[in-house]
Amino acid sequence: MRDRIELEEIFEADPKARAEFDAVCDQLQNEAIAAQEAEMSTPEMAPEPVLADGVDLGRLFDRMRAPRDWNGKEWADAVYGPKKP
């Protein structure tokens, strides 16, 4: 005598139960696929950077694109200092 009953043996005598089981499995699988597709279609966005007061990104990027032989204070004054007219 076997201790394990296989799934196919349960449905052998009842095709209606097998059809109902297959329908439930298909529904669960379709829901799981839909949830995965929804998750993948929503791109994860990086949070907006928080800048210190007075930082001008335009000036910062300009300084990075055209590096010069400035010492740290000159560079900091150019980037973080007050805008010149």
PDB file of N, CA and C in Angstrom:
ATOM      1  N   MET A   1       0.839  -1.185   0.000  1.00  0.00           N
ATOM      2  CA  MET A   1       0.000   0.000   0.000  1.00  0.00           C
ATOM      3  C   MET A   1       0.886   1.251   0.000  1.00  0.00           C
ATOM      4  N   ARG A   2       0.460   2.209  -0.796  1.00  0.00           N
ATOM      5  CA  ARG A   2       1.220   3.465  -0.881  1.00  0.00           C
ATOM      6  C   ARG A   2       0.678   4.482   0.109  1.00  0.00           C
ATOM      7  N   ASP A   3       1.571   5.303   0.621  1.00  0.00           N
ATOM      8  CA  ASP A   3       1.158   6.350   1.559  1.00  0.00           C
ATOM      9  C   ASP A   3       0.836   7.654   0.839  1.00  0.00           C
ATOM     10  N   ARG A   4       1.382   7.816  -0.336  1.00  0.00           N
ATOM     11  CA  ARG A   4       1.167   9.071  -1.084  1.00  0.00           C
ATOM     12  C   ARG A   4       0.135   8.878  -2.175  1.00  0.00           C
ATOM     13  N   ILE A   5      -0.759   9.820  -2.262  1.00  0.00           N
ATOM     14  CA  ILE A   5      -1.733   9.831  -3.346  1.00  0.00           C
ATOM     15  C   ILE A   5      -1.344  10.986  -4.258  1.00  0.00           C
ATOM     16  N   GLU A   6      -1.145  10.703  -5.506  1.00  0.00           N
ATOM     17  CA  GLU A   6      -0.744  11.723  -6.469  1.00  0.00           C
ATOM     18  C   GLU A   6      -1.958  12.556  -6.895  1.00  0.00           C
ATOM     19  N   LEU A   7      -1.696  13.763  -7.359  1.00  0.00           N
ATOM     20  CA  LEU A   7      -2.746  14.675  -7.785  1.00  0.00           C
ATOM     21  C   LEU A   7      -3.592  14.080  -8.913  1.00  0.00           C
ATOM     22  N   GLU A   8      -2.958  13.434  -9.848  1.00  0.00           N
ATOM     23  CA  GLU A   8      -3.690  12.853 -10.978  1.00  0.00           C
ATOM     24  C   GLU A   8      -4.675  11.785 -10.513  1.00  0.00           C
ATOM     25  N   GLU A   9      -4.343  11.044  -9.475  1.00  0.00           N
ATOM     26  CA  GLU A   9      -5.241  10.008  -8.962  1.00  0.00           C
ATOM     27  C   GLU A   9      -6.498  10.614  -8.358  1.00  0.00           C
ATOM     28  N   ILE A  10      -6.388  11.788  -7.799  1.00  0.00           N
ATOM     29  CA  ILE A  10      -7.558  12.451  -7.220  1.00  0.00           C
ATOM     30  C   ILE A  10      -8.553  12.819  -8.317  1.00  0.00           C
ATOM     31  N   PHE A  11      -8.057  13.291  -9.436  1.00  0.00           N
ATOM     32  CA  PHE A  11      -8.936  13.761 -10.501  1.00  0.00           C
ATOM     33  C   PHE A  11      -9.305  12.690 -11.520  1.00  0.00           C
ATOM     34  N   GLU A  12      -8.786  11.490 -11.369  1.00  0.00           N
ATOM     35  CA  GLU A  12      -9.049  10.427 -12.331  1.00  0.00           C
ATOM     36  C   GLU A  12     -10.537  10.141 -12.494  1.00  0.00           C
ATOM     37  N   ALA A  13     -11.246  10.088 -11.393  1.00  0.00           N
ATOM     38  CA  ALA A  13     -12.657   9.706 -11.433  1.00  0.00           C
ATOM     39  C   ALA A  13     -13.598  10.897 -11.545  1.00  0.00           C
ATOM     40  N   ASP A  14     -13.064  12.129 -11.450  1.00  0.00           N
ATOM     41  CA  ASP A  14     -13.955  13.298 -11.444  1.00  0.00           C
ATOM     42  C   ASP A  14     -13.435  14.372 -12.394  1.00  0.00           C
ATOM     43  N   PRO A  15     -13.802  14.291 -13.685  1.00  0.00           N
ATOM     44  CA  PRO A  15     -13.326  15.293 -14.645  1.00  0.00           C
ATOM     45  C   PRO A  15     -13.838  16.700 -14.352  1.00  0.00           C
ATOM     46  N   LYS A  16     -14.992  16.812 -13.710  1.00  0.00           N
ATOM     47  CA  LYS A  16     -15.526  18.136 -13.364  1.00  0.00           C
ATOM     48  C   LYS A  16     -14.632  18.813 -12.319  1.00  0.00           C
ATOM     49  N   ALA A  17     -14.179  18.040 -11.339  1.00  0.00           N
ATOM     50  CA  ALA A  17     -13.277  18.586 -10.325  1.00  0.00           C
ATOM     51  C   ALA A  17     -11.951  18.997 -10.960  1.00  0.00           C
ATOM     52  N   ARG A  18     -11.486  18.196 -11.903  1.00  0.00           N
ATOM     53  CA  ARG A  18     -10.235  18.534 -12.593  1.00  0.00           C
ATOM     54  C   ARG A  18     -10.377  19.844 -13.359  1.00  0.00           C
ATOM     55  N   ALA A  19     -11.485  20.021 -14.051  1.00  0.00           N
ATOM     56  CA  ALA A  19     -11.714  21.250 -14.812  1.00  0.00           C
ATOM     57  C   ALA A  19     -11.793  22.459 -13.885  1.00  0.00           C
ATOM     58  N   GLU A  20     -12.439  22.290 -12.734  1.00  0.00           N
ATOM     59  CA  GLU A  20     -12.541  23.386 -11.774  1.00  0.00           C
ATOM     60  C   GLU A  20     -11.151  23.727 -11.207  1.00  0.00           C
ATOM     61  N   PHE A  21     -10.369  22.702 -10.896  1.00  0.00           N
ATOM     62  CA  PHE A  21      -9.012  22.909 -10.397  1.00  0.00           C
ATOM     63  C   PHE A  21      -8.157  23.643 -11.424  1.00  0.00           C
ATOM     64  N   ASP A  22      -8.229  23.216 -12.678  1.00  0.00           N
ATOM     65  CA  ASP A  22      -7.459  23.872 -13.738  1.00  0.00           C
ATOM     66  C   ASP A  22      -7.874  25.330 -13.902  1.00  0.00           C
ATOM     67  N   ALA A  23      -9.184  25.615 -13.799  1.00  0.00           N
ATOM     68  CA  ALA A  23      -9.662  26.990 -13.934  1.00  0.00           C
ATOM     69  C   ALA A  23      -9.127  27.870 -12.808  1.00  0.00           C
ATOM     70  N   VAL A  24      -9.133  27.343 -11.597  1.00  0.00           N
ATOM     71  CA  VAL A  24      -8.611  28.116 -10.456  1.00  0.00           C
ATOM     72  C   VAL A  24      -7.112  28.360 -10.622  1.00  0.00           C
ATOM     73  N   CYS A  25      -6.376  27.323 -11.044  1.00  0.00           N
ATOM     74  CA  CYS A  25      -4.929  27.480 -11.257  1.00  0.00           C
ATOM     75  C   CYS A  25      -4.635  28.513 -12.345  1.00  0.00           C
ATOM     76  N   ASP A  26      -5.399  28.471 -13.435  1.00  0.00           N
ATOM     77  CA  ASP A  26      -5.212  29.444 -14.517  1.00  0.00           C
ATOM     78  C   ASP A  26      -5.495  30.858 -14.036  1.00  0.00           C
ATOM     79  N   GLN A  27      -6.551  31.015 -13.238  1.00  0.00           N
ATOM     80  CA  GLN A  27      -6.889  32.344 -12.726  1.00  0.00           C
ATOM     81  C   GLN A  27      -5.767  32.877 -11.824  1.00  0.00           C
ATOM     82  N   LEU A  28      -5.268  32.033 -10.931  1.00  0.00           N
ATOM     83  CA  LEU A  28      -4.181  32.467 -10.043  1.00  0.00           C
ATOM     84  C   LEU A  28      -2.918  32.809 -10.830  1.00  0.00           C
ATOM     85  N   GLN A  29      -2.632  32.015 -11.839  1.00  0.00           N
ATOM     86  CA  GLN A  29      -1.445  32.282 -12.654  1.00  0.00           C
ATOM     87  C   GLN A  29      -1.604  33.586 -13.430  1.00  0.00           C
ATOM     88  N   ASN A  30      -2.788  33.838 -13.984  1.00  0.00           N
ATOM     89  CA  ASN A  30      -3.022  35.083 -14.722  1.00  0.00           C
ATOM     90  C   ASN A  30      -2.921  36.297 -13.798  1.00  0.00           C
ATOM     91  N   GLU A  31      -3.416  36.167 -12.572  1.00  0.00           N
ATOM     92  CA  GLU A  31      -3.309  37.278 -11.617  1.00  0.00           C
ATOM     93  C   GLU A  31      -1.841  37.543 -11.262  1.00  0.00           C
ATOM     94  N   ALA A  32      -1.073  36.484 -11.088  1.00  0.00           N
ATOM     95  CA  ALA A  32       0.349  36.649 -10.760  1.00  0.00           C
ATOM     96  C   ALA A  32       1.102  37.299 -11.918  1.00  0.00           C
ATOM     97  N   ILE A  33       0.795  36.898 -13.138  1.00  0.00           N
ATOM     98  CA  ILE A  33       1.446  37.497 -14.312  1.00  0.00           C
ATOM     99  C   ILE A  33       1.078  38.962 -14.432  1.00  0.00           C
ATOM    100  N   ALA A  34      -0.199  39.289 -14.215  1.00  0.00           N
ATOM    101  CA  ALA A  34      -0.635  40.688 -14.290  1.00  0.00           C
ATOM    102  C   ALA A  34       0.062  41.537 -13.230  1.00  0.00           C
ATOM    103  N   ALA A  35       0.219  40.983 -12.029  1.00  0.00           N
ATOM    104  CA  ALA A  35       0.900  41.731 -10.965  1.00  0.00           C
ATOM    105  C   ALA A  35       2.371  41.964 -11.309  1.00  0.00           C
ATOM    106  N   GLN A  36       3.030  40.954 -11.889  1.00  0.00           N
ATOM    107  CA  GLN A  36       4.427  41.124 -12.289  1.00  0.00           C
ATOM    108  C   GLN A  36       4.569  42.145 -13.401  1.00  0.00           C
ATOM    109  N   GLU A  37       3.661  42.110 -14.366  1.00  0.00           N
ATOM    110  CA  GLU A  37       3.732  43.077 -15.465  1.00  0.00           C
ATOM    111  C   GLU A  37       3.487  44.488 -14.967  1.00  0.00           C
ATOM    112  N   ALA A  38       2.546  44.649 -14.029  1.00  0.00           N
ATOM    113  CA  ALA A  38       2.286  45.981 -13.472  1.00  0.00           C
ATOM    114  C   ALA A  38       3.502  46.484 -12.711  1.00  0.00           C
ATOM    115  N   GLU A  39       4.160  45.597 -11.988  1.00  0.00           N
ATOM    116  CA  GLU A  39       5.349  45.987 -11.233  1.00  0.00           C
ATOM    117  C   GLU A  39       6.485  46.391 -12.161  1.00  0.00           C
ATOM    118  N   MET A  40       6.641  45.667 -13.261  1.00  0.00           N
ATOM    119  CA  MET A  40       7.728  45.965 -14.191  1.00  0.00           C
ATOM    120  C   MET A  40       7.455  47.201 -15.033  1.00  0.00           C
ATOM    121  N   SER A  41       6.185  47.556 -15.236  1.00  0.00           N
ATOM    122  CA  SER A  41       5.881  48.700 -16.078  1.00  0.00           C
ATOM    123  C   SER A  41       6.015  50.019 -15.330  1.00  0.00           C
ATOM    124  N   THR A  42       6.111  49.960 -14.008  1.00  0.00           N
ATOM    125  CA  THR A  42       6.268  51.170 -13.211  1.00  0.00           C
ATOM    126  C   THR A  42       7.750  51.366 -12.925  1.00  0.00           C
ATOM    127  N   PRO A  43       8.374  52.350 -13.590  1.00  0.00           N
ATOM    128  CA  PRO A  43       9.811  52.544 -13.361  1.00  0.00           C
ATOM    129  C   PRO A  43      10.061  53.121 -11.968  1.00  0.00           C
ATOM    130  N   GLU A  44      11.139  52.690 -11.382  1.00  0.00           N
ATOM    131  CA  GLU A  44      11.519  53.232 -10.084  1.00  0.00           C
ATOM    132  C   GLU A  44      12.325  54.503 -10.324  1.00  0.00           C
ATOM    133  N   MET A  45      11.865  55.568  -9.730  1.00  0.00           N
ATOM    134  CA  MET A  45      12.523  56.852  -9.910  1.00  0.00           C
ATOM    135  C   MET A  45      13.398  57.142  -8.689  1.00  0.00           C
ATOM    136  N   ALA A  46      14.545  57.683  -8.959  1.00  0.00           N
ATOM    137  CA  ALA A  46      15.427  58.095  -7.876  1.00  0.00           C
ATOM    138  C   ALA A  46      14.830  59.342  -7.229  1.00  0.00           C
ATOM    139  N   PRO A  47      14.995  59.492  -5.943  1.00  0.00           N
ATOM    140  CA  PRO A  47      14.458  60.690  -5.295  1.00  0.00           C
ATOM    141  C   PRO A  47      15.206  61.939  -5.769  1.00  0.00           C
ATOM    142  N   GLU A  48      14.494  63.038  -5.740  1.00  0.00           N
ATOM    143  CA  GLU A  48      15.115  64.302  -6.135  1.00  0.00           C
ATOM    144  C   GLU A  48      16.230  64.637  -5.142  1.00  0.00           C
ATOM    145  N   PRO A  49      17.365  65.108  -5.634  1.00  0.00           N
ATOM    146  CA  PRO A  49      18.445  65.456  -4.708  1.00  0.00           C
ATOM    147  C   PRO A  49      18.090  66.705  -3.905  1.00  0.00           C
ATOM    148  N   VAL A  50      18.510  66.712  -2.678  1.00  0.00           N
ATOM    149  CA  VAL A  50      18.291  67.869  -1.815  1.00  0.00           C
ATOM    150  C   VAL A  50      19.597  68.649  -1.796  1.00  0.00           C
ATOM    151  N   LEU A  51      19.521  69.894  -2.233  1.00  0.00           N
ATOM    152  CA  LEU A  51      20.720  70.724  -2.327  1.00  0.00           C
ATOM    153  C   LEU A  51      20.779  71.714  -1.180  1.00  0.00           C
ATOM    154  N   ALA A  52      21.964  72.081  -0.830  1.00  0.00           N
ATOM    155  CA  ALA A  52      22.145  73.109   0.188  1.00  0.00           C
ATOM    156  C   ALA A  52      21.641  74.435  -0.370  1.00  0.00           C
ATOM    157  N   ASP A  53      21.206  75.299   0.516  1.00  0.00           N
ATOM    158  CA  ASP A  53      20.726  76.616   0.082  1.00  0.00           C
ATOM    159  C   ASP A  53      21.838  77.371  -0.631  1.00  0.00           C
ATOM    160  N   GLY A  54      21.507  78.001  -1.708  1.00  0.00           N
ATOM    161  CA  GLY A  54      22.459  78.833  -2.434  1.00  0.00           C
ATOM    162  C   GLY A  54      23.270  78.104  -3.483  1.00  0.00           C
ATOM    163  N   VAL A  55      23.073  76.811  -3.654  1.00  0.00           N
ATOM    164  CA  VAL A  55      23.835  76.075  -4.654  1.00  0.00           C
ATOM    165  C   VAL A  55      23.161  76.263  -6.012  1.00  0.00           C
ATOM    166  N   ASP A  56      23.932  76.696  -6.971  1.00  0.00           N
ATOM    167  CA  ASP A  56      23.426  76.906  -8.321  1.00  0.00           C
ATOM    168  C   ASP A  56      23.969  75.766  -9.192  1.00  0.00           C
ATOM    169  N   LEU A  57      23.100  74.833  -9.555  1.00  0.00           N
ATOM    170  CA  LEU A  57      23.561  73.681 -10.327  1.00  0.00           C
ATOM    171  C   LEU A  57      24.121  74.080 -11.680  1.00  0.00           C
ATOM    172  N   GLY A  58      23.539  75.075 -12.306  1.00  0.00           N
ATOM    173  CA  GLY A  58      24.047  75.518 -13.606  1.00  0.00           C
ATOM    174  C   GLY A  58      25.492  75.961 -13.514  1.00  0.00           C
ATOM    175  N   ARG A  59      25.785  76.752 -12.503  1.00  0.00           N
ATOM    176  CA  ARG A  59      27.157  77.213 -12.313  1.00  0.00           C
ATOM    177  C   ARG A  59      28.067  76.051 -11.939  1.00  0.00           C
ATOM    178  N   LEU A  60      27.568  75.137 -11.138  1.00  0.00           N
ATOM    179  CA  LEU A  60      28.355  73.977 -10.748  1.00  0.00           C
ATOM    180  C   LEU A  60      28.716  73.144 -11.969  1.00  0.00           C
ATOM    181  N   PHE A  61      27.731  72.869 -12.826  1.00  0.00           N
ATOM    182  CA  PHE A  61      28.005  72.074 -14.023  1.00  0.00           C
ATOM    183  C   PHE A  61      28.921  72.805 -14.994  1.00  0.00           C
ATOM    184  N   ASP A  62      28.776  74.111 -15.094  1.00  0.00           N
ATOM    185  CA  ASP A  62      29.687  74.878 -15.950  1.00  0.00           C
ATOM    186  C   ASP A  62      31.128  74.724 -15.466  1.00  0.00           C
ATOM    187  N   ARG A  63      31.311  74.777 -14.164  1.00  0.00           N
ATOM    188  CA  ARG A  63      32.661  74.655 -13.606  1.00  0.00           C
ATOM    189  C   ARG A  63      33.204  73.242 -13.823  1.00  0.00           C
ATOM    190  N   MET A  64      32.335  72.243 -13.774  1.00  0.00           N
ATOM    191  CA  MET A  64      32.791  70.869 -13.966  1.00  0.00           C
ATOM    192  C   MET A  64      33.138  70.596 -15.428  1.00  0.00           C
ATOM    193  N   ARG A  65      32.424  71.245 -16.342  1.00  0.00           N
ATOM    194  CA  ARG A  65      32.698  71.030 -17.767  1.00  0.00           C
ATOM    195  C   ARG A  65      33.984  71.701 -18.204  1.00  0.00           C
ATOM    196  N   ALA A  66      34.330  72.794 -17.572  1.00  0.00           N
ATOM    197  CA  ALA A  66      35.544  73.524 -17.951  1.00  0.00           C
ATOM    198  C   ALA A  66      36.444  73.666 -16.726  1.00  0.00           C
ATOM    199  N   PRO A  67      37.057  72.569 -16.297  1.00  0.00           N
ATOM    200  CA  PRO A  67      37.895  72.655 -15.101  1.00  0.00           C
ATOM    201  C   PRO A  67      39.108  73.550 -15.337  1.00  0.00           C
ATOM    202  N   ARG A  68      39.451  74.234 -14.316  1.00  0.00           N
ATOM    203  CA  ARG A  68      40.618  75.106 -14.384  1.00  0.00           C
ATOM    204  C   ARG A  68      41.511  74.818 -13.205  1.00  0.00           C
ATOM    205  N   ASP A  69      42.650  75.424 -13.178  1.00  0.00           N
ATOM    206  CA  ASP A  69      43.586  75.222 -12.076  1.00  0.00           C
ATOM    207  C   ASP A  69      43.242  76.171 -10.934  1.00  0.00           C
ATOM    208  N   TRP A  70      42.103  75.913 -10.335  1.00  0.00           N
ATOM    209  CA  TRP A  70      41.685  76.739  -9.210  1.00  0.00           C
ATOM    210  C   TRP A  70      42.007  76.015  -7.936  1.00  0.00           C
ATOM    211  N   ASN A  71      42.275  76.798  -6.896  1.00  0.00           N
ATOM    212  CA  ASN A  71      42.397  76.154  -5.598  1.00  0.00           C
ATOM    213  C   ASN A  71      40.982  75.950  -5.039  1.00  0.00           C
ATOM    214  N   GLY A  72      40.858  75.247  -3.969  1.00  0.00           N
ATOM    215  CA  GLY A  72      39.545  74.905  -3.423  1.00  0.00           C
ATOM    216  C   GLY A  72      38.680  76.107  -3.112  1.00  0.00           C
ATOM    217  N   LYS A  73      39.270  77.165  -2.547  1.00  0.00           N
ATOM    218  CA  LYS A  73      38.479  78.339  -2.183  1.00  0.00           C
ATOM    219  C   LYS A  73      37.940  79.051  -3.413  1.00  0.00           C
ATOM    220  N   GLU A  74      38.767  79.218  -4.443  1.00  0.00           N
ATOM    221  CA  GLU A  74      38.285  79.870  -5.670  1.00  0.00           C
ATOM    222  C   GLU A  74      37.137  79.089  -6.282  1.00  0.00           C
ATOM    223  N   TRP A  75      37.268  77.772  -6.287  1.00  0.00           N
ATOM    224  CA  TRP A  75      36.207  76.940  -6.872  1.00  0.00           C
ATOM    225  C   TRP A  75      34.940  77.052  -6.033  1.00  0.00           C
ATOM    226  N   ALA A  76      35.075  76.975  -4.703  1.00  0.00           N
ATOM    227  CA  ALA A  76      33.912  77.073  -3.829  1.00  0.00           C
ATOM    228  C   ALA A  76      33.257  78.438  -3.953  1.00  0.00           C
ATOM    229  N   ASP A  77      34.054  79.489  -4.041  1.00  0.00           N
ATOM    230  CA  ASP A  77      33.474  80.829  -4.195  1.00  0.00           C
ATOM    231  C   ASP A  77      32.739  80.950  -5.529  1.00  0.00           C
ATOM    232  N   ALA A  78      33.281  80.337  -6.568  1.00  0.00           N
ATOM    233  CA  ALA A  78      32.650  80.422  -7.892  1.00  0.00           C
ATOM    234  C   ALA A  78      31.328  79.644  -7.913  1.00  0.00           C
ATOM    235  N   VAL A  79      31.290  78.537  -7.225  1.00  0.00           N
ATOM    236  CA  VAL A  79      30.084  77.704  -7.260  1.00  0.00           C
ATOM    237  C   VAL A  79      29.078  78.134  -6.216  1.00  0.00           C
ATOM    238  N   TYR A  80      29.511  78.342  -4.983  1.00  0.00           N
ATOM    239  CA  TYR A  80      28.596  78.609  -3.885  1.00  0.00           C
ATOM    240  C   TYR A  80      28.454  80.079  -3.545  1.00  0.00           C
ATOM    241  N   GLY A  81      29.359  80.883  -4.073  1.00  0.00           N
ATOM    242  CA  GLY A  81      29.319  82.289  -3.726  1.00  0.00           C
ATOM    243  C   GLY A  81      28.170  83.015  -4.385  1.00  0.00           C
ATOM    244  N   PRO A  82      28.002  84.283  -4.044  1.00  0.00           N
ATOM    245  CA  PRO A  82      26.905  85.057  -4.640  1.00  0.00           C
ATOM    246  C   PRO A  82      27.120  85.220  -6.145  1.00  0.00           C
ATOM    247  N   LYS A  83      26.014  85.297  -6.850  1.00  0.00           N
ATOM    248  CA  LYS A  83      26.092  85.473  -8.310  1.00  0.00           C
ATOM    249  C   LYS A  83      26.616  86.864  -8.617  1.00  0.00           C
ATOM    250  N   LYS A  84      27.459  86.905  -9.619  1.00  0.00           N
ATOM    251  CA  LYS A  84      27.987  88.191 -10.031  1.00  0.00           C
ATOM    252  C   LYS A  84      27.107  88.727 -11.169  1.00  0.00           C
ATOM    253  N   PRO A  85      26.923  90.025 -11.196  1.00  0.00           N
ATOM    254  CA  PRO A  85      26.031  90.619 -12.232  1.00  0.00           C
ATOM    255  C   PRO A  85      26.533  90.459 -13.635  1.00  0.00           C
TER     256      PRO A  85
END
